[in-house]
Amino acid sequence: MGNLHYASSWGDDKNEYERALHDVGSVLAKHDTEQRHPFWGFSGKFQGQIRQSFQCGPNAEVQGIDGIQSAYRSMFTSRSGMSMSEPTTITDVIKTAAHYAKKKSVSSCIDGCIQFLSQFLH
């Protein structure tokens, strides 16, 4: 084994990271009515270059917990071109998530304000 990301068959047996993604994702998903989640990885090497923050999967957001699991697994196929790397630094992912949340929050607030004000324009 040797690698916590390893899963022998990628079947129903989840590795430690998949179990953690499922458990934490299930809690966070309860607070997202659309069930669309951005999902980033960290400390990966792509074509010889280390990236401390990268999108997992082909889309900026994934659908539900199954989408998170799928995006995670997709990173460990030969098509992704990614290999694990060091140093392991999660700081960039946290900064990316904070920026995304702020942008999403402002967008939601603007949408809510527009909807609220539009009732007075009719």
PDB file of N, CA and C in Angstrom:
ATOM      1  N   MET A   1       0.841  -1.165   0.000  1.00  0.00           N
ATOM      2  CA  MET A   1       0.000   0.000   0.000  1.00  0.00           C
ATOM      3  C   MET A   1       0.892   1.236   0.000  1.00  0.00           C
ATOM      4  N   GLY A   2       1.316   1.779   1.132  1.00  0.00           N
ATOM      5  CA  GLY A   2       2.292   2.848   1.169  1.00  0.00           C
ATOM      6  C   GLY A   2       1.762   4.249   0.890  1.00  0.00           C
ATOM      7  N   ASN A   3       0.656   4.387   0.214  1.00  0.00           N
ATOM      8  CA  ASN A   3       0.106   5.696  -0.128  1.00  0.00           C
ATOM      9  C   ASN A   3      -1.340   5.750   0.361  1.00  0.00           C
ATOM     10  N   LEU A   4      -1.665   6.758   1.174  1.00  0.00           N
ATOM     11  CA  LEU A   4      -3.020   6.849   1.724  1.00  0.00           C
ATOM     12  C   LEU A   4      -4.076   7.095   0.645  1.00  0.00           C
ATOM     13  N   HIS A   5      -3.641   7.560  -0.528  1.00  0.00           N
ATOM     14  CA  HIS A   5      -4.576   7.781  -1.634  1.00  0.00           C
ATOM     15  C   HIS A   5      -4.894   6.473  -2.366  1.00  0.00           C
ATOM     16  N   TYR A   6      -4.133   5.452  -2.105  1.00  0.00           N
ATOM     17  CA  TYR A   6      -4.260   4.191  -2.830  1.00  0.00           C
ATOM     18  C   TYR A   6      -5.565   3.466  -2.521  1.00  0.00           C
ATOM     19  N   ALA A   7      -6.175   2.936  -3.556  1.00  0.00           N
ATOM     20  CA  ALA A   7      -7.310   2.021  -3.398  1.00  0.00           C
ATOM     21  C   ALA A   7      -7.104   0.899  -4.399  1.00  0.00           C
ATOM     22  N   SER A   8      -7.178  -0.324  -3.946  1.00  0.00           N
ATOM     23  CA  SER A   8      -6.831  -1.462  -4.790  1.00  0.00           C
ATOM     24  C   SER A   8      -7.726  -1.600  -6.006  1.00  0.00           C
ATOM     25  N   SER A   9      -9.018  -1.398  -5.844  1.00  0.00           N
ATOM     26  CA  SER A   9      -9.912  -1.639  -6.977  1.00  0.00           C
ATOM     27  C   SER A   9     -10.734  -0.417  -7.351  1.00  0.00           C
ATOM     28  N   TRP A  10     -10.672   0.637  -6.573  1.00  0.00           N
ATOM     29  CA  TRP A  10     -11.525   1.808  -6.748  1.00  0.00           C
ATOM     30  C   TRP A  10     -12.985   1.389  -6.772  1.00  0.00           C
ATOM     31  N   GLY A  11     -13.282   0.307  -6.080  1.00  0.00           N
ATOM     32  CA  GLY A  11     -14.664  -0.161  -5.973  1.00  0.00           C
ATOM     33  C   GLY A  11     -15.337   0.491  -4.783  1.00  0.00           C
ATOM     34  N   ASP A  12     -16.043  -0.290  -4.005  1.00  0.00           N
ATOM     35  CA  ASP A  12     -16.759   0.245  -2.850  1.00  0.00           C
ATOM     36  C   ASP A  12     -15.833   0.523  -1.675  1.00  0.00           C
ATOM     37  N   ASP A  13     -14.620  -0.019  -1.733  1.00  0.00           N
ATOM     38  CA  ASP A  13     -13.647   0.200  -0.666  1.00  0.00           C
ATOM     39  C   ASP A  13     -13.059   1.596  -0.788  1.00  0.00           C
ATOM     40  N   LYS A  14     -13.315   2.452   0.207  1.00  0.00           N
ATOM     41  CA  LYS A  14     -12.796   3.815   0.160  1.00  0.00           C
ATOM     42  C   LYS A  14     -11.506   3.903   0.963  1.00  0.00           C
ATOM     43  N   ASN A  15     -10.554   4.668   0.434  1.00  0.00           N
ATOM     44  CA  ASN A  15      -9.333   4.895   1.203  1.00  0.00           C
ATOM     45  C   ASN A  15      -9.616   5.966   2.263  1.00  0.00           C
ATOM     46  N   GLU A  16      -8.623   6.287   3.073  1.00  0.00           N
ATOM     47  CA  GLU A  16      -8.827   7.230   4.179  1.00  0.00           C
ATOM     48  C   GLU A  16      -9.244   8.615   3.688  1.00  0.00           C
ATOM     49  N   TYR A  17      -8.674   9.067   2.586  1.00  0.00           N
ATOM     50  CA  TYR A  17      -9.032  10.376   2.051  1.00  0.00           C
ATOM     51  C   TYR A  17     -10.472  10.389   1.540  1.00  0.00           C
ATOM     52  N   GLU A  18     -10.877   9.326   0.870  1.00  0.00           N
ATOM     53  CA  GLU A  18     -12.249   9.254   0.367  1.00  0.00           C
ATOM     54  C   GLU A  18     -13.256   9.244   1.518  1.00  0.00           C
ATOM     55  N   ARG A  19     -12.928   8.540   2.572  1.00  0.00           N
ATOM     56  CA  ARG A  19     -13.828   8.531   3.736  1.00  0.00           C
ATOM     57  C   ARG A  19     -13.923   9.932   4.342  1.00  0.00           C
ATOM     58  N   ALA A  20     -12.782  10.626   4.444  1.00  0.00           N
ATOM     59  CA  ALA A  20     -12.779  11.985   4.997  1.00  0.00           C
ATOM     60  C   ALA A  20     -13.546  12.940   4.078  1.00  0.00           C
ATOM     61  N   LEU A  21     -13.327  12.830   2.764  1.00  0.00           N
ATOM     62  CA  LEU A  21     -14.056  13.679   1.807  1.00  0.00           C
ATOM     63  C   LEU A  21     -15.556  13.458   1.925  1.00  0.00           C
ATOM     64  N   HIS A  22     -15.952  12.208   2.062  1.00  0.00           N
ATOM     65  CA  HIS A  22     -17.369  11.885   2.190  1.00  0.00           C
ATOM     66  C   HIS A  22     -17.947  12.454   3.481  1.00  0.00           C
ATOM     67  N   ASP A  23     -17.245  12.254   4.586  1.00  0.00           N
ATOM     68  CA  ASP A  23     -17.753  12.700   5.884  1.00  0.00           C
ATOM     69  C   ASP A  23     -17.836  14.231   5.963  1.00  0.00           C
ATOM     70  N   VAL A  24     -16.759  14.910   5.600  1.00  0.00           N
ATOM     71  CA  VAL A  24     -16.755  16.376   5.656  1.00  0.00           C
ATOM     72  C   VAL A  24     -17.699  16.941   4.588  1.00  0.00           C
ATOM     73  N   GLY A  25     -17.645  16.381   3.390  1.00  0.00           N
ATOM     74  CA  GLY A  25     -18.517  16.840   2.308  1.00  0.00           C
ATOM     75  C   GLY A  25     -19.991  16.694   2.644  1.00  0.00           C
ATOM     76  N   SER A  26     -20.346  15.630   3.326  1.00  0.00           N
ATOM     77  CA  SER A  26     -21.750  15.409   3.716  1.00  0.00           C
ATOM     78  C   SER A  26     -22.240  16.492   4.673  1.00  0.00           C
ATOM     79  N   VAL A  27     -21.375  16.925   5.572  1.00  0.00           N
ATOM     80  CA  VAL A  27     -21.741  17.988   6.510  1.00  0.00           C
ATOM     81  C   VAL A  27     -21.886  19.317   5.759  1.00  0.00           C
ATOM     82  N   LEU A  28     -20.895  19.646   4.938  1.00  0.00           N
ATOM     83  CA  LEU A  28     -20.924  20.916   4.211  1.00  0.00           C
ATOM     84  C   LEU A  28     -22.058  20.967   3.195  1.00  0.00           C
ATOM     85  N   ALA A  29     -22.370  19.846   2.585  1.00  0.00           N
ATOM     86  CA  ALA A  29     -23.406  19.797   1.543  1.00  0.00           C
ATOM     87  C   ALA A  29     -24.779  20.186   2.080  1.00  0.00           C
ATOM     88  N   LYS A  30     -24.987  19.978   3.352  1.00  0.00           N
ATOM     89  CA  LYS A  30     -26.277  20.328   3.955  1.00  0.00           C
ATOM     90  C   LYS A  30     -26.538  21.828   3.906  1.00  0.00           C
ATOM     91  N   HIS A  31     -25.501  22.609   3.662  1.00  0.00           N
ATOM     92  CA  HIS A  31     -25.621  24.063   3.650  1.00  0.00           C
ATOM     93  C   HIS A  31     -25.594  24.630   2.228  1.00  0.00           C
ATOM     94  N   ASP A  32     -25.716  23.777   1.236  1.00  0.00           N
ATOM     95  CA  ASP A  32     -25.691  24.211  -0.158  1.00  0.00           C
ATOM     96  C   ASP A  32     -26.908  23.637  -0.868  1.00  0.00           C
ATOM     97  N   THR A  33     -27.912  24.460  -1.092  1.00  0.00           N
ATOM     98  CA  THR A  33     -29.159  23.973  -1.684  1.00  0.00           C
ATOM     99  C   THR A  33     -28.978  23.483  -3.114  1.00  0.00           C
ATOM    100  N   GLU A  34     -28.010  24.046  -3.841  1.00  0.00           N
ATOM    101  CA  GLU A  34     -27.792  23.636  -5.231  1.00  0.00           C
ATOM    102  C   GLU A  34     -26.978  22.348  -5.350  1.00  0.00           C
ATOM    103  N   GLN A  35     -26.277  21.988  -4.272  1.00  0.00           N
ATOM    104  CA  GLN A  35     -25.412  20.802  -4.270  1.00  0.00           C
ATOM    105  C   GLN A  35     -24.323  20.870  -5.334  1.00  0.00           C
ATOM    106  N   ARG A  36     -23.833  22.085  -5.594  1.00  0.00           N
ATOM    107  CA  ARG A  36     -22.722  22.302  -6.523  1.00  0.00           C
ATOM    108  C   ARG A  36     -21.530  22.735  -5.678  1.00  0.00           C
ATOM    109  N   HIS A  37     -20.422  21.999  -5.777  1.00  0.00           N
ATOM    110  CA  HIS A  37     -19.280  22.247  -4.904  1.00  0.00           C
ATOM    111  C   HIS A  37     -18.004  22.436  -5.715  1.00  0.00           C
ATOM    112  N   PRO A  38     -17.274  23.535  -5.452  1.00  0.00           N
ATOM    113  CA  PRO A  38     -15.936  23.637  -6.049  1.00  0.00           C
ATOM    114  C   PRO A  38     -15.047  22.620  -5.328  1.00  0.00           C
ATOM    115  N   PHE A  39     -14.095  22.061  -6.030  1.00  0.00           N
ATOM    116  CA  PHE A  39     -13.269  21.019  -5.418  1.00  0.00           C
ATOM    117  C   PHE A  39     -11.838  21.150  -5.932  1.00  0.00           C
ATOM    118  N   TRP A  40     -10.914  21.457  -5.024  1.00  0.00           N
ATOM    119  CA  TRP A  40      -9.522  21.665  -5.389  1.00  0.00           C
ATOM    120  C   TRP A  40      -8.619  20.677  -4.664  1.00  0.00           C
ATOM    121  N   GLY A  41      -7.515  20.382  -5.309  1.00  0.00           N
ATOM    122  CA  GLY A  41      -6.473  19.569  -4.700  1.00  0.00           C
ATOM    123  C   GLY A  41      -5.253  20.434  -4.443  1.00  0.00           C
ATOM    124  N   PHE A  42      -4.268  19.864  -3.779  1.00  0.00           N
ATOM    125  CA  PHE A  42      -3.040  20.618  -3.513  1.00  0.00           C
ATOM    126  C   PHE A  42      -1.839  19.692  -3.572  1.00  0.00           C
ATOM    127  N   SER A  43      -0.706  20.290  -3.851  1.00  0.00           N
ATOM    128  CA  SER A  43       0.582  19.595  -3.921  1.00  0.00           C
ATOM    129  C   SER A  43       0.587  18.483  -4.957  1.00  0.00           C
ATOM    130  N   GLY A  44       0.274  18.860  -6.180  1.00  0.00           N
ATOM    131  CA  GLY A  44       0.332  17.923  -7.295  1.00  0.00           C
ATOM    132  C   GLY A  44       1.353  18.382  -8.310  1.00  0.00           C
ATOM    133  N   LYS A  45       1.905  17.437  -9.018  1.00  0.00           N
ATOM    134  CA  LYS A  45       2.877  17.769 -10.063  1.00  0.00           C
ATOM    135  C   LYS A  45       2.248  17.447 -11.408  1.00  0.00           C
ATOM    136  N   PHE A  46       2.205  18.456 -12.268  1.00  0.00           N
ATOM    137  CA  PHE A  46       1.657  18.329 -13.616  1.00  0.00           C
ATOM    138  C   PHE A  46       2.757  18.682 -14.600  1.00  0.00           C
ATOM    139  N   GLN A  47       3.095  17.752 -15.476  1.00  0.00           N
ATOM    140  CA  GLN A  47       4.142  17.948 -16.476  1.00  0.00           C
ATOM    141  C   GLN A  47       5.408  18.530 -15.856  1.00  0.00           C
ATOM    142  N   GLY A  48       5.793  17.977 -14.710  1.00  0.00           N
ATOM    143  CA  GLY A  48       7.032  18.369 -14.044  1.00  0.00           C
ATOM    144  C   GLY A  48       6.936  19.629 -13.209  1.00  0.00           C
ATOM    145  N   GLN A  49       5.785  20.304 -13.205  1.00  0.00           N
ATOM    146  CA  GLN A  49       5.631  21.542 -12.450  1.00  0.00           C
ATOM    147  C   GLN A  49       4.713  21.327 -11.241  1.00  0.00           C
ATOM    148  N   ILE A  50       5.197  21.721 -10.060  1.00  0.00           N
ATOM    149  CA  ILE A  50       4.422  21.567  -8.832  1.00  0.00           C
ATOM    150  C   ILE A  50       3.374  22.674  -8.747  1.00  0.00           C
ATOM    151  N   ARG A  51       2.150  22.261  -8.461  1.00  0.00           N
ATOM    152  CA  ARG A  51       1.058  23.225  -8.264  1.00  0.00           C
ATOM    153  C   ARG A  51       0.484  22.998  -6.875  1.00  0.00           C
ATOM    154  N   GLN A  52       0.426  24.068  -6.099  1.00  0.00           N
ATOM    155  CA  GLN A  52      -0.072  23.957  -4.735  1.00  0.00           C
ATOM    156  C   GLN A  52      -1.589  24.056  -4.653  1.00  0.00           C
ATOM    157  N   SER A  53      -2.230  24.419  -5.756  1.00  0.00           N
ATOM    158  CA  SER A  53      -3.689  24.477  -5.794  1.00  0.00           C
ATOM    159  C   SER A  53      -4.118  24.165  -7.223  1.00  0.00           C
ATOM    160  N   PHE A  54      -5.040  23.236  -7.369  1.00  0.00           N
ATOM    161  CA  PHE A  54      -5.519  22.888  -8.706  1.00  0.00           C
ATOM    162  C   PHE A  54      -6.939  22.340  -8.632  1.00  0.00           C
ATOM    163  N   GLN A  55      -7.661  22.569  -9.709  1.00  0.00           N
ATOM    164  CA  GLN A  55      -9.027  22.067  -9.825  1.00  0.00           C
ATOM    165  C   GLN A  55      -8.996  20.556  -9.994  1.00  0.00           C
ATOM    166  N   CYS A  56      -9.844  19.869  -9.269  1.00  0.00           N
ATOM    167  CA  CYS A  56      -9.962  18.419  -9.418  1.00  0.00           C
ATOM    168  C   CYS A  56     -11.135  18.125 -10.340  1.00  0.00           C
ATOM    169  N   GLY A  57     -10.903  17.330 -11.341  1.00  0.00           N
ATOM    170  CA  GLY A  57     -11.957  16.986 -12.284  1.00  0.00           C
ATOM    171  C   GLY A  57     -12.057  18.013 -13.398  1.00  0.00           C
ATOM    172  N   PRO A  58     -12.899  17.734 -14.387  1.00  0.00           N
ATOM    173  CA  PRO A  58     -12.987  18.587 -15.573  1.00  0.00           C
ATOM    174  C   PRO A  58     -13.802  19.871 -15.384  1.00  0.00           C
ATOM    175  N   ASN A  59     -14.593  19.966 -14.321  1.00  0.00           N
ATOM    176  CA  ASN A  59     -15.469  21.119 -14.135  1.00  0.00           C
ATOM    177  C   ASN A  59     -15.097  21.918 -12.893  1.00  0.00           C
ATOM    178  N   ALA A  60     -15.397  23.232 -12.920  1.00  0.00           N
ATOM    179  CA  ALA A  60     -15.085  24.104 -11.787  1.00  0.00           C
ATOM    180  C   ALA A  60     -15.870  23.700 -10.544  1.00  0.00           C
ATOM    181  N   GLU A  61     -17.076  23.174 -10.726  1.00  0.00           N
ATOM    182  CA  GLU A  61     -17.885  22.697  -9.612  1.00  0.00           C
ATOM    183  C   GLU A  61     -18.339  21.279  -9.921  1.00  0.00           C
ATOM    184  N   VAL A  62     -18.514  20.499  -8.865  1.00  0.00           N
ATOM    185  CA  VAL A  62     -19.004  19.133  -9.025  1.00  0.00           C
ATOM    186  C   VAL A  62     -20.391  19.029  -8.403  1.00  0.00           C
ATOM    187  N   GLN A  63     -21.135  18.024  -8.815  1.00  0.00           N
ATOM    188  CA  GLN A  63     -22.503  17.840  -8.333  1.00  0.00           C
ATOM    189  C   GLN A  63     -22.531  16.830  -7.197  1.00  0.00           C
ATOM    190  N   GLY A  64     -22.824  17.304  -5.980  1.00  0.00           N
ATOM    191  CA  GLY A  64     -23.025  16.431  -4.837  1.00  0.00           C
ATOM    192  C   GLY A  64     -21.787  15.688  -4.368  1.00  0.00           C
ATOM    193  N   ILE A  65     -21.999  14.840  -3.381  1.00  0.00           N
ATOM    194  CA  ILE A  65     -20.918  14.050  -2.793  1.00  0.00           C
ATOM    195  C   ILE A  65     -20.353  13.072  -3.818  1.00  0.00           C
ATOM    196  N   ASP A  66     -21.206  12.499  -4.650  1.00  0.00           N
ATOM    197  CA  ASP A  66     -20.716  11.584  -5.691  1.00  0.00           C
ATOM    198  C   ASP A  66     -19.788  12.310  -6.656  1.00  0.00           C
ATOM    199  N   GLY A  67     -20.097  13.567  -6.950  1.00  0.00           N
ATOM    200  CA  GLY A  67     -19.236  14.369  -7.822  1.00  0.00           C
ATOM    201  C   GLY A  67     -17.875  14.620  -7.204  1.00  0.00           C
ATOM    202  N   ILE A  68     -17.858  14.837  -5.891  1.00  0.00           N
ATOM    203  CA  ILE A  68     -16.587  15.018  -5.176  1.00  0.00           C
ATOM    204  C   ILE A  68     -15.757  13.744  -5.279  1.00  0.00           C
ATOM    205  N   GLN A  69     -16.388  12.603  -5.021  1.00  0.00           N
ATOM    206  CA  GLN A  69     -15.675  11.322  -5.088  1.00  0.00           C
ATOM    207  C   GLN A  69     -15.146  11.061  -6.500  1.00  0.00           C
ATOM    208  N   SER A  70     -15.964  11.350  -7.492  1.00  0.00           N
ATOM    209  CA  SER A  70     -15.561  11.138  -8.890  1.00  0.00           C
ATOM    210  C   SER A  70     -14.383  12.021  -9.273  1.00  0.00           C
ATOM    211  N   ALA A  71     -14.463  13.299  -8.885  1.00  0.00           N
ATOM    212  CA  ALA A  71     -13.381  14.237  -9.215  1.00  0.00           C
ATOM    213  C   ALA A  71     -12.081  13.811  -8.533  1.00  0.00           C
ATOM    214  N   TYR A  72     -12.183  13.373  -7.286  1.00  0.00           N
ATOM    215  CA  TYR A  72     -11.006  12.898  -6.554  1.00  0.00           C
ATOM    216  C   TYR A  72     -10.373  11.713  -7.295  1.00  0.00           C
ATOM    217  N   ARG A  73     -11.189  10.742  -7.628  1.00  0.00           N
ATOM    218  CA  ARG A  73     -10.660   9.548  -8.303  1.00  0.00           C
ATOM    219  C   ARG A  73     -10.085   9.863  -9.679  1.00  0.00           C
ATOM    220  N   SER A  74     -10.674  10.846 -10.354  1.00  0.00           N
ATOM    221  CA  SER A  74     -10.192  11.191 -11.694  1.00  0.00           C
ATOM    222  C   SER A  74      -8.757  11.711 -11.662  1.00  0.00           C
ATOM    223  N   MET A  75      -8.341  12.247 -10.532  1.00  0.00           N
ATOM    224  CA  MET A  75      -6.987  12.781 -10.431  1.00  0.00           C
ATOM    225  C   MET A  75      -5.933  11.678 -10.386  1.00  0.00           C
ATOM    226  N   PHE A  76      -6.349  10.452 -10.140  1.00  0.00           N
ATOM    227  CA  PHE A  76      -5.398   9.353 -10.025  1.00  0.00           C
ATOM    228  C   PHE A  76      -5.420   8.431 -11.241  1.00  0.00           C
ATOM    229  N   THR A  77      -5.912   8.943 -12.355  1.00  0.00           N
ATOM    230  CA  THR A  77      -5.853   8.197 -13.607  1.00  0.00           C
ATOM    231  C   THR A  77      -4.684   8.727 -14.423  1.00  0.00           C
ATOM    232  N   SER A  78      -4.227   7.955 -15.357  1.00  0.00           N
ATOM    233  CA  SER A  78      -3.106   8.399 -16.184  1.00  0.00           C
ATOM    234  C   SER A  78      -3.495   9.606 -17.043  1.00  0.00           C
ATOM    235  N   ARG A  79      -4.783   9.770 -17.329  1.00  0.00           N
ATOM    236  CA  ARG A  79      -5.231  10.908 -18.151  1.00  0.00           C
ATOM    237  C   ARG A  79      -5.032  12.247 -17.463  1.00  0.00           C
ATOM    238  N   SER A  80      -5.076  12.276 -16.133  1.00  0.00           N
ATOM    239  CA  SER A  80      -4.957  13.559 -15.431  1.00  0.00           C
ATOM    240  C   SER A  80      -3.546  14.133 -15.549  1.00  0.00           C
ATOM    241  N   GLY A  81      -2.553  13.260 -15.709  1.00  0.00           N
ATOM    242  CA  GLY A  81      -1.172  13.718 -15.806  1.00  0.00           C
ATOM    243  C   GLY A  81      -0.614  14.208 -14.477  1.00  0.00           C
ATOM    244  N   MET A  82      -1.309  13.941 -13.380  1.00  0.00           N
ATOM    245  CA  MET A  82      -0.904  14.424 -12.065  1.00  0.00           C
ATOM    246  C   MET A  82      -0.203  13.333 -11.285  1.00  0.00           C
ATOM    247  N   SER A  83       0.830  13.741 -10.562  1.00  0.00           N
ATOM    248  CA  SER A  83       1.448  12.845  -9.582  1.00  0.00           C
ATOM    249  C   SER A  83       1.566  13.623  -8.277  1.00  0.00           C
ATOM    250  N   MET A  84       1.574  12.918  -7.177  1.00  0.00           N
ATOM    251  CA  MET A  84       1.673  13.560  -5.873  1.00  0.00           C
ATOM    252  C   MET A  84       3.035  14.232  -5.761  1.00  0.00           C
ATOM    253  N   SER A  85       3.102  15.301  -4.989  1.00  0.00           N
ATOM    254  CA  SER A  85       4.334  16.052  -4.885  1.00  0.00           C
ATOM    255  C   SER A  85       4.527  16.595  -3.474  1.00  0.00           C
ATOM    256  N   GLU A  86       5.713  17.000  -3.195  1.00  0.00           N
ATOM    257  CA  GLU A  86       6.032  17.684  -1.939  1.00  0.00           C
ATOM    258  C   GLU A  86       6.720  18.980  -2.296  1.00  0.00           C
ATOM    259  N   PRO A  87       6.711  19.990  -1.477  1.00  0.00           N
ATOM    260  CA  PRO A  87       6.124  20.008  -0.146  1.00  0.00           C
ATOM    261  C   PRO A  87       4.597  20.063  -0.215  1.00  0.00           C
ATOM    262  N   THR A  88       3.957  19.540   0.812  1.00  0.00           N
ATOM    263  CA  THR A  88       2.500  19.548   0.899  1.00  0.00           C
ATOM    264  C   THR A  88       2.072  20.835   1.594  1.00  0.00           C
ATOM    265  N   THR A  89       1.435  21.713   0.843  1.00  0.00           N
ATOM    266  CA  THR A  89       1.012  23.004   1.372  1.00  0.00           C
ATOM    267  C   THR A  89      -0.432  23.252   0.985  1.00  0.00           C
ATOM    268  N   ILE A  90      -1.294  23.405   1.973  1.00  0.00           N
ATOM    269  CA  ILE A  90      -2.721  23.602   1.715  1.00  0.00           C
ATOM    270  C   ILE A  90      -3.107  25.096   1.704  1.00  0.00           C
ATOM    271  N   THR A  91      -2.158  25.977   2.024  1.00  0.00           N
ATOM    272  CA  THR A  91      -2.427  27.412   2.134  1.00  0.00           C
ATOM    273  C   THR A  91      -3.098  27.977   0.885  1.00  0.00           C
ATOM    274  N   ASP A  92      -2.597  27.642  -0.298  1.00  0.00           N
ATOM    275  CA  ASP A  92      -3.175  28.176  -1.538  1.00  0.00           C
ATOM    276  C   ASP A  92      -4.617  27.725  -1.737  1.00  0.00           C
ATOM    277  N   VAL A  93      -4.934  26.502  -1.352  1.00  0.00           N
ATOM    278  CA  VAL A  93      -6.304  26.009  -1.477  1.00  0.00           C
ATOM    279  C   VAL A  93      -7.220  26.792  -0.540  1.00  0.00           C
ATOM    280  N   ILE A  94      -6.759  27.060   0.663  1.00  0.00           N
ATOM    281  CA  ILE A  94      -7.569  27.826   1.621  1.00  0.00           C
ATOM    282  C   ILE A  94      -7.802  29.241   1.082  1.00  0.00           C
ATOM    283  N   LYS A  95      -6.767  29.860   0.537  1.00  0.00           N
ATOM    284  CA  LYS A  95      -6.919  31.205  -0.042  1.00  0.00           C
ATOM    285  C   LYS A  95      -7.884  31.185  -1.222  1.00  0.00           C
ATOM    286  N   THR A  96      -7.777  30.175  -2.074  1.00  0.00           N
ATOM    287  CA  THR A  96      -8.676  30.041  -3.221  1.00  0.00           C
ATOM    288  C   THR A  96     -10.116  29.864  -2.747  1.00  0.00           C
ATOM    289  N   ALA A  97     -10.315  29.023  -1.747  1.00  0.00           N
ATOM    290  CA  ALA A  97     -11.661  28.791  -1.208  1.00  0.00           C
ATOM    291  C   ALA A  97     -12.233  30.065  -0.600  1.00  0.00           C
ATOM    292  N   ALA A  98     -11.406  30.815   0.124  1.00  0.00           N
ATOM    293  CA  ALA A  98     -11.879  32.066   0.735  1.00  0.00           C
ATOM    294  C   ALA A  98     -12.275  33.068  -0.343  1.00  0.00           C
ATOM    295  N   HIS A  99     -11.466  33.187  -1.392  1.00  0.00           N
ATOM    296  CA  HIS A  99     -11.785  34.099  -2.497  1.00  0.00           C
ATOM    297  C   HIS A  99     -13.085  33.671  -3.185  1.00  0.00           C
ATOM    298  N   TYR A 100     -13.226  32.380  -3.427  1.00  0.00           N
ATOM    299  CA  TYR A 100     -14.428  31.841  -4.073  1.00  0.00           C
ATOM    300  C   TYR A 100     -15.667  32.103  -3.213  1.00  0.00           C
ATOM    301  N   ALA A 101     -15.545  31.862  -1.912  1.00  0.00           N
ATOM    302  CA  ALA A 101     -16.674  32.064  -1.006  1.00  0.00           C
ATOM    303  C   ALA A 101     -17.069  33.531  -0.948  1.00  0.00           C
ATOM    304  N   LYS A 102     -16.090  34.411  -0.922  1.00  0.00           N
ATOM    305  CA  LYS A 102     -16.370  35.845  -0.884  1.00  0.00           C
ATOM    306  C   LYS A 102     -17.086  36.278  -2.158  1.00  0.00           C
ATOM    307  N   LYS A 103     -16.581  35.800  -3.300  1.00  0.00           N
ATOM    308  CA  LYS A 103     -17.189  36.134  -4.592  1.00  0.00           C
ATOM    309  C   LYS A 103     -18.615  35.589  -4.663  1.00  0.00           C
ATOM    310  N   LYS A 104     -18.806  34.364  -4.221  1.00  0.00           N
ATOM    311  CA  LYS A 104     -20.118  33.725  -4.240  1.00  0.00           C
ATOM    312  C   LYS A 104     -21.077  34.448  -3.301  1.00  0.00           C
ATOM    313  N   SER A 105     -20.573  34.845  -2.135  1.00  0.00           N
ATOM    314  CA  SER A 105     -21.390  35.550  -1.151  1.00  0.00           C
ATOM    315  C   SER A 105     -21.842  36.899  -1.685  1.00  0.00           C
ATOM    316  N   VAL A 106     -20.941  37.635  -2.306  1.00  0.00           N
ATOM    317  CA  VAL A 106     -21.281  38.938  -2.883  1.00  0.00           C
ATOM    318  C   VAL A 106     -22.297  38.746  -3.999  1.00  0.00           C
ATOM    319  N   SER A 107     -22.090  37.742  -4.830  1.00  0.00           N
ATOM    320  CA  SER A 107     -23.009  37.454  -5.927  1.00  0.00           C
ATOM    321  C   SER A 107     -24.398  37.108  -5.392  1.00  0.00           C
ATOM    322  N   SER A 108     -24.451  36.269  -4.358  1.00  0.00           N
ATOM    323  CA  SER A 108     -25.735  35.893  -3.760  1.00  0.00           C
ATOM    324  C   SER A 108     -26.427  37.097  -3.149  1.00  0.00           C
ATOM    325  N   CYS A 109     -25.650  37.950  -2.516  1.00  0.00           N
ATOM    326  CA  CYS A 109     -26.202  39.153  -1.894  1.00  0.00           C
ATOM    327  C   CYS A 109     -26.784  40.075  -2.959  1.00  0.00           C
ATOM    328  N   ILE A 110     -26.052  40.270  -4.048  1.00  0.00           N
ATOM    329  CA  ILE A 110     -26.538  41.122  -5.139  1.00  0.00           C
ATOM    330  C   ILE A 110     -27.816  40.541  -5.723  1.00  0.00           C
ATOM    331  N   ASP A 111     -27.833  39.223  -5.978  1.00  0.00           N
ATOM    332  CA  ASP A 111     -29.037  38.574  -6.512  1.00  0.00           C
ATOM    333  C   ASP A 111     -30.219  38.763  -5.569  1.00  0.00           C
ATOM    334  N   GLY A 112     -29.966  38.577  -4.271  1.00  0.00           N
ATOM    335  CA  GLY A 112     -31.027  38.742  -3.279  1.00  0.00           C
ATOM    336  C   GLY A 112     -31.538  40.175  -3.229  1.00  0.00           C
ATOM    337  N   CYS A 113     -30.628  41.129  -3.294  1.00  0.00           N
ATOM    338  CA  CYS A 113     -31.022  42.545  -3.275  1.00  0.00           C
ATOM    339  C   CYS A 113     -31.841  42.900  -4.516  1.00  0.00           C
ATOM    340  N   ILE A 114     -31.419  42.403  -5.663  1.00  0.00           N
ATOM    341  CA  ILE A 114     -32.152  42.671  -6.906  1.00  0.00           C
ATOM    342  C   ILE A 114     -33.559  42.093  -6.814  1.00  0.00           C
ATOM    343  N   GLN A 115     -33.661  40.860  -6.324  1.00  0.00           N
ATOM    344  CA  GLN A 115     -34.984  40.243  -6.189  1.00  0.00           C
ATOM    345  C   GLN A 115     -35.853  41.030  -5.210  1.00  0.00           C
ATOM    346  N   PHE A 116     -35.257  41.464  -4.109  1.00  0.00           N
ATOM    347  CA  PHE A 116     -36.003  42.227  -3.115  1.00  0.00           C
ATOM    348  C   PHE A 116     -36.490  43.552  -3.705  1.00  0.00           C
ATOM    349  N   LEU A 117     -35.588  44.268  -4.370  1.00  0.00           N
ATOM    350  CA  LEU A 117     -35.944  45.589  -4.918  1.00  0.00           C
ATOM    351  C   LEU A 117     -36.923  45.480  -6.096  1.00  0.00           C
ATOM    352  N   SER A 118     -36.841  44.410  -6.843  1.00  0.00           N
ATOM    353  CA  SER A 118     -37.710  44.280  -8.022  1.00  0.00           C
ATOM    354  C   SER A 118     -39.196  44.222  -7.660  1.00  0.00           C
ATOM    355  N   GLN A 119     -39.495  43.796  -6.445  1.00  0.00           N
ATOM    356  CA  GLN A 119     -40.903  43.758  -6.032  1.00  0.00           C
ATOM    357  C   GLN A 119     -41.502  45.162  -5.922  1.00  0.00           C
ATOM    358  N   PHE A 120     -40.670  46.177  -5.767  1.00  0.00           N
ATOM    359  CA  PHE A 120     -41.154  47.543  -5.632  1.00  0.00           C
ATOM    360  C   PHE A 120     -41.203  48.263  -6.981  1.00  0.00           C
ATOM    361  N   LEU A 121     -40.665  47.636  -8.010  1.00  0.00           N
ATOM    362  CA  LEU A 121     -40.609  48.281  -9.322  1.00  0.00           C
ATOM    363  C   LEU A 121     -41.826  47.970 -10.188  1.00  0.00           C
ATOM    364  N   HIS A 122     -42.701  47.130  -9.731  1.00  0.00           N
ATOM    365  CA  HIS A 122     -43.862  46.737 -10.554  1.00  0.00           C
ATOM    366  C   HIS A 122     -45.050  47.596 -10.273  1.00  0.00           C
TER     367      HIS A 122
END
